[in-house]
Amino acid sequence: MEHKQKKYVLAAAILLVILSAAFISVLFLDPSGKFHSLPPIRVACVGDSITQGTYYPSDLQILLGKNYAVRNYGASGRTVLLSADKPYMNGSAFQYAVAFEPQIVIIMLGTNDANPKYYPQIDNFTTDYKILIASFEIYKPQIWLVLPPPIFNDSIGPNEANLVQGVIPRIAQVATDLNLPTINVYSLFVGQPQYFWDGVHPGDLGAEIIAKAVYLAISNRITP
């Protein structure tokens, strides 16, 4: 009798192990049989005041959900150009962004590089942008380059003509050279100044539009 009981206990233990393994598989496997990374997936929003001073990163967090950790690493007035007064790479936001070891990096810079004060050095933009990108590549993240929104008020500093003629083509060139995807936020706001409270920085609705564009780009890239 005792021998029978031991056999039942052993059989129950084996069944428990099998059920546990099956449960874990359901949690971490998609229908194709591939394992997912354990959440949360770290997302770094790199940028200037259009990132720092808006709700776009927090809106993105809501859209992506609890399996993602979205962090705002925007820094006002920062540029890609290393020769400017406030390069993004010389600031603490950059250091924190790299230390975050992101798995996804969204870079929306270039608006301040369109400032006439810095624009004479625009030929250095592609080289400097590639240096910035290389700083994150040690972690092998997915990287998106964002074409920033239009500038509807040149009096603040950045110039729309400089953005269109000099900055955006160079962002596109970097994306081509490094085989990186872009998110064309610029095209979403052409002729839509009502989404910008001062002609440069998007209001709440504008931030929602940016967040949705980034969300769709991420979703399309990571969905099997």
Protein backbone atom coordinates (compact mmCIF):
# COMPACT_ATOMS: atom_id res chain seq x y z
CA MET A 1 0.00 0.00 0.00
CA GLU A 2 2.80 2.37 0.93
CA HIS A 3 4.53 1.55 -2.34
CA LYS A 4 1.35 2.48 -4.25
CA GLN A 5 1.10 5.82 -2.45
CA LYS A 6 4.70 6.66 -3.37
CA LYS A 7 3.91 5.90 -7.01
CA TYR A 8 0.91 8.26 -6.91
CA VAL A 9 2.99 11.02 -5.31
CA LEU A 10 5.71 10.60 -7.94
CA ALA A 11 3.15 10.66 -10.77
CA ALA A 12 1.55 13.80 -9.34
CA ALA A 13 4.95 15.52 -9.10
CA ILE A 14 5.77 14.67 -12.72
CA LEU A 15 2.37 15.97 -13.84
CA LEU A 16 2.97 19.22 -11.94
CA VAL A 17 6.33 19.73 -13.68
CA ILE A 18 4.74 19.14 -17.09
CA LEU A 19 1.89 21.56 -16.38
CA SER A 20 4.32 24.21 -15.11
CA ALA A 21 6.42 23.94 -18.25
CA ALA A 22 3.33 24.26 -20.41
CA PHE A 23 2.20 27.33 -18.47
CA ILE A 24 5.58 29.02 -18.90
CA SER A 25 5.48 28.28 -22.63
CA VAL A 26 2.09 29.94 -22.92
CA LEU A 27 3.41 33.02 -21.15
CA PHE A 28 6.56 33.51 -23.17
CA LEU A 29 5.87 31.97 -26.57
CA ASP A 30 3.91 33.52 -29.40
CA PRO A 31 1.94 31.31 -31.82
CA SER A 32 4.99 30.98 -34.07
CA GLY A 33 6.95 29.34 -31.27
CA LYS A 34 9.37 32.24 -30.70
CA PHE A 35 10.31 33.38 -27.22
CA HIS A 36 9.61 37.00 -26.33
CA SER A 37 12.00 39.23 -24.37
CA LEU A 38 11.01 39.63 -20.77
CA PRO A 39 9.21 42.94 -20.15
CA PRO A 40 9.57 45.79 -19.81
CA ILE A 41 11.19 46.73 -23.09
CA ARG A 42 13.19 49.92 -22.53
CA VAL A 43 12.36 52.81 -24.88
CA ALA A 44 14.47 55.99 -24.89
CA CYS A 45 12.93 59.13 -26.41
CA VAL A 46 15.95 61.25 -27.39
CA GLY A 47 15.41 64.82 -28.50
CA ASP A 48 15.26 68.52 -27.79
CA SER A 49 12.45 70.58 -26.20
CA ILE A 50 9.91 69.07 -28.62
CA THR A 51 10.51 65.86 -26.67
CA GLN A 52 11.33 67.25 -23.23
CA GLY A 53 8.52 69.78 -22.98
CA THR A 54 5.59 67.78 -24.42
CA TYR A 55 3.48 64.81 -23.44
CA TYR A 56 4.57 62.75 -26.43
CA PRO A 57 6.72 60.28 -24.40
CA SER A 58 4.02 59.80 -21.75
CA ASP A 59 1.39 59.39 -24.48
CA LEU A 60 3.65 56.79 -26.09
CA GLN A 61 3.88 54.95 -22.78
CA ILE A 62 0.10 54.72 -22.60
CA LEU A 63 -0.13 53.42 -26.16
CA LEU A 64 2.61 50.81 -25.72
CA GLY A 65 1.34 49.58 -22.36
CA LYS A 66 2.89 47.99 -19.30
CA ASN A 67 5.32 45.75 -21.20
CA TYR A 68 7.34 48.85 -22.11
CA ALA A 69 9.24 51.40 -20.05
CA VAL A 70 9.32 54.71 -21.94
CA ARG A 71 11.71 57.39 -20.70
CA ASN A 72 11.92 61.05 -21.73
CA TYR A 73 15.49 62.07 -22.51
CA GLY A 74 14.69 65.33 -24.24
CA ALA A 75 16.87 68.38 -23.55
CA SER A 76 15.85 71.89 -24.51
CA GLY A 77 17.94 73.74 -27.09
CA ARG A 78 20.13 70.77 -27.94
CA THR A 79 21.56 70.07 -31.38
CA VAL A 80 23.08 67.23 -33.33
CA LEU A 81 25.90 69.54 -34.41
CA LEU A 82 28.86 69.17 -32.07
CA SER A 83 30.10 72.63 -33.04
CA ALA A 84 26.97 74.34 -31.68
CA ASP A 85 26.64 75.87 -28.22
CA LYS A 86 24.60 73.00 -26.75
CA PRO A 87 25.21 69.66 -28.50
CA TYR A 88 22.95 66.90 -27.27
CA MET A 89 25.97 64.66 -26.71
CA ASN A 90 27.45 67.15 -24.24
CA GLY A 91 24.47 67.08 -21.90
CA SER A 92 23.33 64.93 -18.99
CA ALA A 93 20.21 63.75 -20.87
CA PHE A 94 22.49 61.98 -23.34
CA GLN A 95 24.46 60.33 -20.54
CA TYR A 96 21.28 59.14 -18.83
CA ALA A 97 19.85 57.86 -22.11
CA VAL A 98 22.93 55.73 -22.81
CA ALA A 99 23.04 54.47 -19.20
CA PHE A 100 19.41 53.35 -19.58
CA GLU A 101 20.68 50.70 -22.04
CA PRO A 102 17.62 51.13 -24.25
CA GLN A 103 16.31 48.39 -26.50
CA ILE A 104 14.47 50.95 -28.63
CA VAL A 105 15.75 54.46 -29.35
CA ILE A 106 13.63 57.20 -30.92
CA ILE A 107 15.74 60.19 -31.98
CA MET A 108 13.96 63.43 -32.84
CA LEU A 109 16.65 66.07 -33.20
CA GLY A 110 17.51 68.63 -35.86
CA THR A 111 15.13 71.51 -35.18
CA ASN A 112 17.77 73.57 -33.35
CA ASP A 113 20.35 72.73 -36.01
CA ALA A 114 18.13 74.77 -38.36
CA ASN A 115 18.92 77.90 -36.35
CA PRO A 116 20.76 80.42 -38.59
CA LYS A 117 23.34 80.70 -35.81
CA TYR A 118 24.43 77.08 -36.33
CA TYR A 119 23.38 76.44 -39.91
CA PRO A 120 26.74 77.46 -41.48
CA GLN A 121 28.14 74.21 -40.01
CA ILE A 122 25.34 72.06 -41.43
CA ASP A 123 27.75 70.06 -43.60
CA ASN A 124 28.97 68.43 -40.37
CA PHE A 125 25.47 67.26 -39.49
CA THR A 126 25.61 63.76 -41.01
CA THR A 127 28.96 62.93 -39.43
CA ASP A 128 27.89 64.21 -36.01
CA TYR A 129 24.57 62.37 -36.20
CA LYS A 130 26.35 59.10 -36.94
CA ILE A 131 28.56 59.64 -33.89
CA LEU A 132 25.46 60.11 -31.74
CA ILE A 133 23.85 56.96 -33.12
CA ALA A 134 27.04 54.94 -32.60
CA SER A 135 26.90 55.76 -28.89
CA PHE A 136 23.72 53.69 -28.58
CA GLU A 137 24.67 50.87 -30.92
CA ILE A 138 26.76 49.13 -28.26
CA TYR A 139 23.44 47.83 -26.88
CA LYS A 140 22.19 46.82 -30.35
CA PRO A 141 18.82 48.56 -30.00
CA GLN A 142 16.23 49.20 -32.66
CA ILE A 143 16.75 52.84 -33.68
CA TRP A 144 14.32 55.18 -35.44
CA LEU A 145 15.27 58.59 -36.82
CA VAL A 146 12.42 61.08 -36.73
CA LEU A 147 12.02 63.83 -39.32
CA PRO A 148 10.99 66.67 -36.96
CA PRO A 149 7.81 68.72 -37.40
CA PRO A 150 7.60 71.92 -39.44
CA ILE A 151 8.59 75.28 -38.00
CA PHE A 152 5.72 77.76 -38.27
CA ASN A 153 7.43 80.62 -36.43
CA ASP A 154 11.00 81.49 -37.46
CA SER A 155 11.26 84.29 -34.87
CA ILE A 156 12.01 81.83 -32.06
CA GLY A 157 15.31 80.82 -33.66
CA PRO A 158 15.07 77.69 -35.86
CA ASN A 159 14.29 78.42 -39.50
CA GLU A 160 11.82 76.43 -41.62
CA ALA A 161 13.78 76.85 -44.86
CA ASN A 162 16.94 75.57 -43.18
CA LEU A 163 15.02 72.63 -41.76
CA VAL A 164 13.56 71.64 -45.13
CA GLN A 165 16.60 72.30 -47.30
CA GLY A 166 19.41 71.27 -44.98
CA VAL A 167 18.40 69.27 -41.94
CA ILE A 168 15.72 66.86 -43.13
CA PRO A 169 17.63 65.71 -46.26
CA ARG A 170 20.65 64.99 -44.06
CA ILE A 171 18.59 62.97 -41.59
CA ALA A 172 17.27 60.97 -44.53
CA GLN A 173 20.84 60.51 -45.78
CA VAL A 174 21.99 59.19 -42.41
CA ALA A 175 19.05 56.78 -42.36
CA THR A 176 20.00 55.52 -45.83
CA ASP A 177 23.69 55.21 -45.00
CA LEU A 178 23.04 53.26 -41.78
CA ASN A 179 19.97 51.39 -43.03
CA LEU A 180 17.79 52.81 -40.26
CA PRO A 181 14.03 53.39 -40.42
CA THR A 182 12.57 56.90 -40.27
CA ILE A 183 9.34 58.30 -38.87
CA ASN A 184 8.13 61.22 -40.97
CA VAL A 185 6.53 63.49 -38.40
CA TYR A 186 7.15 66.48 -40.67
CA SER A 187 4.61 65.32 -43.23
CA LEU A 188 1.93 64.86 -40.56
CA PHE A 189 1.86 68.57 -39.76
CA VAL A 190 2.35 70.33 -43.09
CA GLY A 191 -0.13 73.22 -43.17
CA GLN A 192 -1.31 72.42 -39.62
CA PRO A 193 0.00 75.23 -37.36
CA GLN A 194 -2.95 74.83 -34.99
CA TYR A 195 -1.19 71.88 -33.36
CA PHE A 196 1.69 74.11 -32.18
CA TRP A 197 1.21 76.57 -29.33
CA ASP A 198 4.14 78.80 -30.36
CA GLY A 199 4.77 77.69 -33.94
CA VAL A 200 7.53 75.25 -32.93
CA HIS A 201 6.42 73.18 -29.94
CA PRO A 202 3.36 70.94 -30.29
CA GLY A 203 0.48 71.23 -27.87
CA ASP A 204 -1.31 68.26 -26.33
CA LEU A 205 -3.04 67.17 -29.54
CA GLY A 206 0.16 67.54 -31.53
CA ALA A 207 2.01 65.41 -28.96
CA GLU A 208 -0.67 62.73 -29.31
CA ILE A 209 -0.18 62.67 -33.08
CA ILE A 210 3.59 62.27 -32.67
CA ALA A 211 3.13 59.51 -30.07
CA LYS A 212 0.75 57.62 -32.34
CA ALA A 213 3.18 57.82 -35.29
CA VAL A 214 6.00 56.46 -33.12
CA TYR A 215 3.74 53.77 -31.69
CA LEU A 216 2.70 52.57 -35.14
CA ALA A 217 6.33 52.47 -36.28
CA ILE A 218 7.39 50.42 -33.26
CA SER A 219 4.40 48.10 -33.49
CA ASN A 220 4.93 47.39 -37.17
CA ARG A 221 8.63 46.67 -36.62
CA ILE A 222 8.33 44.29 -33.66
CA THR A 223 5.14 42.40 -34.53
CA PRO A 224 6.02 38.93 -35.94
